[in-house]
Amino acid sequence: MLVSLTRDMQAAPTTAGETAFWVVDRDAHRLYGLDRNLFVARAVPVDHPLEVEPVRDGGTWVLRSEDGLSGSSMRLDRLDPRGVVVTELYLESCRDLDTLDREQALVLENVNGSVRLSRVSEEGSLFPLLARVDLRCVSGSNGSILCGTDGGAVLRVDPASGAVLAELQLDGTIRDLAPGPTLGSTWALDTQGTGRVFLLDETLAVRWAAGVGFPCAHLGAVPGEERVWIADTSSPRVRRFGANAVVELDRQGLPSNNLDRSVPWRDGGVLLLSPSAIVHVGSDGNTLPGQGGFAWLSDAARVR
């Protein structure tokens, strides 16, 4: 059963705790902070928010569209823990947002027929690092930057010079990357066809790979564990892969369709985003109380 959410709520309920989970509702123009029980602790007005990444001081980076239309120009906002804008930077349309060690923002921006990787400091200074036509996703990784490409490559990039330090060719389309269970390791997701998930070591060598088995878009990596959740974008289903590519859980028949993002939760389960609801699946695959009533959820991130 999904817990009701009043979409236009302006103030946090007095019973809500500290923010443990950020979600952005594109069509409601809100950044919501939810507590450990998924009750609304904070609601921040933000026009057309698309992606959110938490930072160490309790604030966030939020990437938002100027008009809500695909391909439009964007703004990158740095918000403090109260939701007050610290920095606002105007960008062209962007493909992805992440952070470097939960501090500076990393963005992939469409510029002059190419895709530019840039690092952005808290005060808004932008440092262009690398431009390639095929850059698709970005992830901070132990003091360096990882990028995935439309042609199936994974690149490790120096955050100061933009030099490519290492490159691995996996084929397919690398749509998502996430820090792996050990220092410098990386999860990579190929979303071509029914998908493949890879665990790479610190040198970008493949430790193991597995077929996902359904269309997918994003990884939900469990921090510090050799476990990753992946939601089915074509049916109400999620899988959890464990050590050595073992499928530990395959939960079908979930109460919401159009799943996308998978965010591992503190109970060993996962929070799955559909456009209008957060589905909570426990570590054993059982459905637990989630949160519903949103307009269009586009991204979420756990406060670590």
Protein backbone atom coordinates (compact mmCIF):
# COMPACT_ATOMS: atom_id res chain seq x y z
CA MET A 1 0.00 0.00 0.00
CA LEU A 2 1.28 3.50 -0.87
CA VAL A 3 1.08 6.27 1.70
CA SER A 4 -0.73 9.38 0.41
CA LEU A 5 1.28 12.52 -0.33
CA THR A 6 -0.28 15.97 -0.70
CA ARG A 7 1.57 17.18 -3.77
CA ASP A 8 1.22 20.91 -3.10
CA MET A 9 2.23 20.69 0.56
CA GLN A 10 4.27 23.80 1.40
CA ALA A 11 5.35 22.98 4.95
CA ALA A 12 6.77 19.84 6.50
CA PRO A 13 4.51 18.00 8.96
CA THR A 14 5.54 18.39 12.60
CA THR A 15 5.95 14.63 12.92
CA ALA A 16 8.51 14.32 10.11
CA GLY A 17 12.14 13.66 10.97
CA GLU A 18 15.35 14.79 9.29
CA THR A 19 15.72 14.47 5.54
CA ALA A 20 17.04 11.04 4.55
CA PHE A 21 15.98 10.95 0.90
CA TRP A 22 15.69 13.64 -1.78
CA VAL A 23 13.27 13.41 -4.71
CA VAL A 24 12.53 15.89 -7.49
CA ASP A 25 9.01 16.21 -8.88
CA ARG A 26 9.35 17.80 -12.32
CA ASP A 27 5.69 18.64 -12.92
CA ALA A 28 4.94 19.77 -9.35
CA HIS A 29 8.06 22.02 -9.39
CA ARG A 30 9.27 20.68 -6.08
CA LEU A 31 12.35 19.27 -4.42
CA TYR A 32 11.09 17.07 -1.58
CA GLY A 33 13.13 15.90 1.39
CA LEU A 34 11.64 12.73 2.90
CA ASP A 35 12.50 11.29 6.29
CA ARG A 36 13.37 7.68 7.14
CA ASN A 37 9.68 6.75 7.07
CA LEU A 38 9.22 8.51 3.70
CA PHE A 39 7.13 11.33 5.17
CA VAL A 40 7.72 14.81 3.75
CA ALA A 41 10.22 16.70 5.93
CA ARG A 42 10.89 19.54 3.47
CA ALA A 43 9.33 20.90 0.27
CA VAL A 44 11.38 23.39 -1.77
CA PRO A 45 9.89 25.15 -4.83
CA VAL A 46 12.14 24.52 -7.86
CA ASP A 47 11.00 25.05 -11.45
CA HIS A 48 11.11 21.90 -13.61
CA PRO A 49 13.72 19.93 -11.58
CA LEU A 50 15.21 16.98 -13.44
CA GLU A 51 18.10 15.60 -11.36
CA VAL A 52 19.31 15.90 -7.77
CA GLU A 53 22.62 15.03 -6.08
CA PRO A 54 23.30 15.47 -2.32
CA VAL A 55 26.47 17.10 -1.01
CA ARG A 56 28.37 16.76 2.25
CA ASP A 57 26.91 19.78 4.05
CA GLY A 58 23.33 18.48 3.70
CA GLY A 59 22.51 20.58 0.67
CA THR A 60 22.04 19.52 -2.94
CA TRP A 61 22.86 20.19 -6.55
CA VAL A 62 19.69 20.35 -8.67
CA LEU A 63 19.66 20.34 -12.47
CA ARG A 64 16.51 21.92 -13.84
CA SER A 65 14.99 22.76 -17.20
CA GLU A 66 14.15 26.31 -18.21
CA ASP A 67 10.72 25.37 -19.60
CA GLY A 68 10.28 21.64 -18.97
CA LEU A 69 10.79 20.74 -22.63
CA SER A 70 13.31 18.21 -23.91
CA GLY A 71 16.43 19.84 -25.33
CA SER A 72 15.83 23.21 -23.68
CA SER A 73 18.49 25.19 -21.85
CA MET A 74 19.02 24.36 -18.19
CA ARG A 75 20.11 25.76 -14.86
CA LEU A 76 22.29 24.13 -12.25
CA ASP A 77 21.42 25.22 -8.70
CA ARG A 78 23.45 24.66 -5.56
CA LEU A 79 21.08 24.67 -2.56
CA ASP A 80 22.11 24.82 1.08
CA PRO A 81 20.56 22.45 3.69
CA ARG A 82 17.58 24.82 4.10
CA GLY A 83 16.86 24.79 0.36
CA VAL A 84 18.19 28.32 -0.25
CA VAL A 85 19.96 28.86 -3.58
CA VAL A 86 23.70 29.43 -3.08
CA THR A 87 24.75 29.28 -6.74
CA GLU A 88 22.85 29.34 -10.03
CA LEU A 89 24.56 28.54 -13.33
CA TYR A 90 23.01 28.74 -16.80
CA LEU A 91 23.82 25.79 -19.09
CA GLU A 92 22.83 24.37 -22.44
CA SER A 93 20.77 21.14 -22.41
CA CYS A 94 22.46 18.46 -20.30
CA ARG A 95 22.65 14.68 -20.31
CA ASP A 96 23.69 13.85 -16.76
CA LEU A 97 24.63 15.18 -13.32
CA ASP A 98 26.79 13.73 -10.55
CA THR A 99 29.28 14.95 -7.95
CA LEU A 100 32.99 14.59 -7.34
CA ASP A 101 33.40 13.21 -3.82
CA ARG A 102 30.00 14.75 -2.90
CA GLU A 103 31.31 18.28 -3.31
CA GLN A 104 31.73 19.75 -6.81
CA ALA A 105 29.14 19.03 -9.50
CA LEU A 106 29.90 17.07 -12.66
CA VAL A 107 27.76 17.80 -15.72
CA LEU A 108 27.52 16.56 -19.29
CA GLU A 109 26.37 19.48 -21.43
CA ASN A 110 25.43 19.55 -25.12
CA VAL A 111 27.66 22.26 -26.61
CA ASN A 112 28.29 23.01 -30.31
CA GLY A 113 27.38 19.55 -31.58
CA SER A 114 29.43 17.76 -28.94
CA VAL A 115 29.02 16.74 -25.29
CA ARG A 116 31.21 18.55 -22.79
CA LEU A 117 32.20 17.19 -19.39
CA SER A 118 32.65 20.00 -16.86
CA ARG A 119 33.36 20.31 -13.16
CA VAL A 120 31.50 23.03 -11.25
CA SER A 121 32.66 24.48 -7.93
CA GLU A 122 30.26 25.53 -5.17
CA GLU A 123 30.51 29.23 -6.08
CA GLY A 124 29.61 28.45 -9.70
CA SER A 125 33.00 28.41 -11.46
CA LEU A 126 32.82 26.02 -14.43
CA PHE A 127 35.91 24.04 -15.52
CA PRO A 128 35.54 22.33 -18.94
CA LEU A 129 37.44 19.03 -18.97
CA LEU A 130 36.61 16.88 -21.99
CA ALA A 131 34.45 17.08 -25.12
CA ARG A 132 33.29 14.06 -27.14
CA VAL A 133 30.16 13.49 -29.19
CA ASP A 134 29.38 10.17 -27.49
CA LEU A 135 29.49 10.98 -23.76
CA ARG A 136 26.32 9.63 -22.12
CA CYS A 137 26.73 9.42 -18.30
CA VAL A 138 29.10 10.58 -15.57
CA SER A 139 30.04 9.43 -12.07
CA GLY A 140 32.52 10.63 -9.48
CA SER A 141 34.92 7.86 -8.49
CA ASN A 142 37.51 8.06 -5.71
CA GLY A 143 39.00 11.39 -6.74
CA SER A 144 38.57 10.78 -10.47
CA ILE A 145 35.71 10.93 -12.96
CA LEU A 146 34.13 8.09 -14.91
CA CYS A 147 32.17 8.58 -18.13
CA GLY A 148 30.15 6.11 -20.18
CA THR A 149 29.57 6.52 -23.90
CA ASP A 150 26.93 5.73 -26.50
CA GLY A 151 29.46 3.40 -28.14
CA GLY A 152 30.01 1.25 -25.05
CA ALA A 153 33.23 2.74 -23.65
CA VAL A 154 34.01 3.54 -20.03
CA LEU A 155 36.56 6.35 -19.50
CA ARG A 156 38.45 7.36 -16.38
CA VAL A 157 39.15 11.10 -16.54
CA ASP A 158 41.49 13.28 -14.52
CA PRO A 159 39.37 15.91 -12.69
CA ALA A 160 42.04 18.62 -13.00
CA SER A 161 43.32 18.27 -16.57
CA GLY A 162 40.53 16.32 -18.30
CA ALA A 163 43.06 13.77 -19.56
CA VAL A 164 41.70 10.27 -20.22
CA LEU A 165 43.63 8.06 -17.79
CA ALA A 166 42.13 4.71 -18.83
CA GLU A 167 39.52 3.40 -21.25
CA LEU A 168 37.59 0.12 -21.52
CA GLN A 169 35.46 -0.91 -24.48
CA LEU A 170 32.34 -2.90 -23.51
CA ASP A 171 30.15 -2.25 -26.59
CA GLY A 172 26.45 -1.50 -26.29
CA THR A 173 25.38 1.80 -24.68
CA ILE A 174 26.72 2.69 -21.24
CA ARG A 175 23.79 4.60 -19.78
CA ASP A 176 24.66 4.55 -16.09
CA LEU A 177 27.69 4.27 -13.80
CA ALA A 178 27.97 4.07 -10.00
CA PRO A 179 30.72 3.55 -7.41
CA GLY A 180 31.42 -0.12 -6.75
CA PRO A 181 31.82 -2.00 -3.44
CA THR A 182 35.58 -1.49 -3.14
CA LEU A 183 37.76 1.61 -3.50
CA GLY A 184 37.96 2.63 -7.16
CA SER A 185 35.65 -0.13 -8.41
CA THR A 186 32.67 0.72 -10.61
CA TRP A 187 29.27 -0.56 -11.67
CA ALA A 188 28.45 -0.04 -15.36
CA LEU A 189 25.10 -0.59 -17.08
CA ASP A 190 24.72 -1.33 -20.78
CA THR A 191 21.10 -0.54 -21.69
CA GLN A 192 21.13 -1.89 -25.23
CA GLY A 193 18.50 -4.62 -25.72
CA THR A 194 17.73 -6.37 -22.45
CA GLY A 195 20.78 -4.91 -20.74
CA ARG A 196 24.04 -6.04 -19.16
CA VAL A 197 25.52 -5.10 -15.79
CA PHE A 198 29.30 -5.05 -15.19
CA LEU A 199 31.42 -4.80 -12.08
CA LEU A 200 34.79 -3.22 -12.93
CA ASP A 201 37.85 -3.07 -10.68
CA GLU A 202 40.00 0.00 -10.02
CA THR A 203 41.91 -0.55 -13.29
CA LEU A 204 38.61 -0.82 -15.26
CA ALA A 205 39.13 -4.55 -15.79
CA VAL A 206 35.89 -6.58 -15.79
CA ARG A 207 35.43 -8.57 -12.57
CA TRP A 208 32.14 -10.03 -13.75
CA ALA A 209 29.25 -9.34 -16.10
CA ALA A 210 25.63 -10.52 -16.25
CA GLY A 211 22.64 -10.13 -18.51
CA VAL A 212 19.93 -8.05 -16.84
CA GLY A 213 17.10 -9.77 -18.69
CA PHE A 214 14.82 -6.79 -19.36
CA PRO A 215 14.91 -3.16 -20.58
CA CYS A 216 16.51 -0.90 -17.98
CA ALA A 217 17.87 2.61 -17.52
CA HIS A 218 19.66 3.00 -14.17
CA LEU A 219 21.64 1.22 -11.46
CA GLY A 220 20.87 1.16 -7.74
CA ALA A 221 24.23 0.26 -6.19
CA VAL A 222 24.25 -0.72 -2.50
CA PRO A 223 27.01 1.34 -0.83
CA GLY A 224 29.95 -0.82 0.29
CA GLU A 225 28.37 -4.09 -0.85
CA GLU A 226 28.66 -6.25 -3.95
CA ARG A 227 24.95 -5.79 -4.64
CA VAL A 228 23.06 -3.76 -7.20
CA TRP A 229 19.33 -3.27 -7.88
CA ILE A 230 17.98 -2.77 -11.42
CA ALA A 231 14.36 -1.94 -12.25
CA ASP A 232 12.50 -3.12 -15.34
CA THR A 233 11.30 -0.11 -17.38
CA SER A 234 8.77 -2.26 -19.30
CA SER A 235 7.00 -4.10 -16.45
CA PRO A 236 6.58 -3.87 -12.63
CA ARG A 237 9.71 -5.85 -11.79
CA VAL A 238 13.08 -5.44 -10.07
CA ARG A 239 16.14 -7.67 -9.74
CA ARG A 240 18.97 -7.63 -7.22
CA PHE A 241 22.34 -8.96 -8.33
CA GLY A 242 24.88 -10.08 -5.75
CA ALA A 243 28.45 -11.36 -5.65
CA ASN A 244 29.72 -13.07 -8.81
CA ALA A 245 26.59 -12.09 -10.80
CA VAL A 246 24.18 -14.20 -8.72
CA VAL A 247 20.53 -13.09 -9.01
CA GLU A 248 19.62 -12.86 -5.32
CA LEU A 249 16.09 -11.59 -5.85
CA ASP A 250 13.68 -11.29 -8.77
CA ARG A 251 10.51 -9.52 -7.68
CA GLN A 252 7.71 -9.29 -10.22
CA GLY A 253 4.13 -7.99 -10.01
CA LEU A 254 4.96 -4.77 -8.17
CA PRO A 255 2.10 -2.30 -7.60
CA SER A 256 3.37 0.34 -10.05
CA ASN A 257 4.48 0.37 -13.69
CA ASN A 258 7.00 2.56 -15.54
CA LEU A 259 9.75 2.01 -12.96
CA ASP A 260 13.12 3.64 -13.53
CA ARG A 261 15.44 4.73 -10.70
CA SER A 262 16.44 2.27 -7.97
CA VAL A 263 17.76 3.70 -4.68
CA PRO A 264 18.97 1.17 -2.06
CA TRP A 265 17.41 1.80 1.33
CA ARG A 266 18.63 1.41 4.90
CA ASP A 267 16.56 -1.71 5.62
CA GLY A 268 18.40 -3.68 2.92
CA GLY A 269 15.57 -3.06 0.49
CA VAL A 270 15.15 -0.55 -2.30
CA LEU A 271 13.05 2.49 -3.22
CA LEU A 272 11.83 2.42 -6.84
CA LEU A 273 10.64 5.49 -8.69
CA SER A 274 7.62 5.52 -10.97
CA PRO A 275 6.28 8.85 -12.27
CA SER A 276 3.68 9.18 -9.49
CA ALA A 277 4.93 7.03 -6.62
CA ILE A 278 7.84 5.59 -4.66
CA VAL A 279 7.56 1.81 -4.35
CA HIS A 280 9.33 0.33 -1.31
CA VAL A 281 10.55 -3.25 -1.67
CA GLY A 282 12.12 -4.94 1.35
CA SER A 283 15.27 -7.05 1.34
CA ASP A 284 13.11 -10.20 1.07
CA GLY A 285 11.13 -8.86 -1.90
CA ASN A 286 7.98 -7.99 0.03
CA THR A 287 6.30 -4.65 -0.68
CA LEU A 288 6.43 -2.17 2.21
CA PRO A 289 4.72 1.22 2.71
CA GLY A 290 6.01 3.73 0.17
CA GLN A 291 4.81 7.15 -0.90
CA GLY A 292 2.39 8.25 -3.61
CA GLY A 293 0.61 11.25 -5.08
CA PHE A 294 3.47 12.86 -6.99
CA ALA A 295 3.05 14.53 -10.39
CA TRP A 296 6.17 13.28 -12.20
CA LEU A 297 9.20 12.03 -10.28
CA SER A 298 12.36 12.37 -12.35
CA ASP A 299 15.18 11.58 -9.91
CA ALA A 300 16.01 10.66 -6.32
CA ALA A 301 19.05 10.31 -4.09
CA ARG A 302 19.66 8.94 -0.63
CA VAL A 303 21.37 11.15 1.93
CA ARG A 304 24.44 9.09 2.79
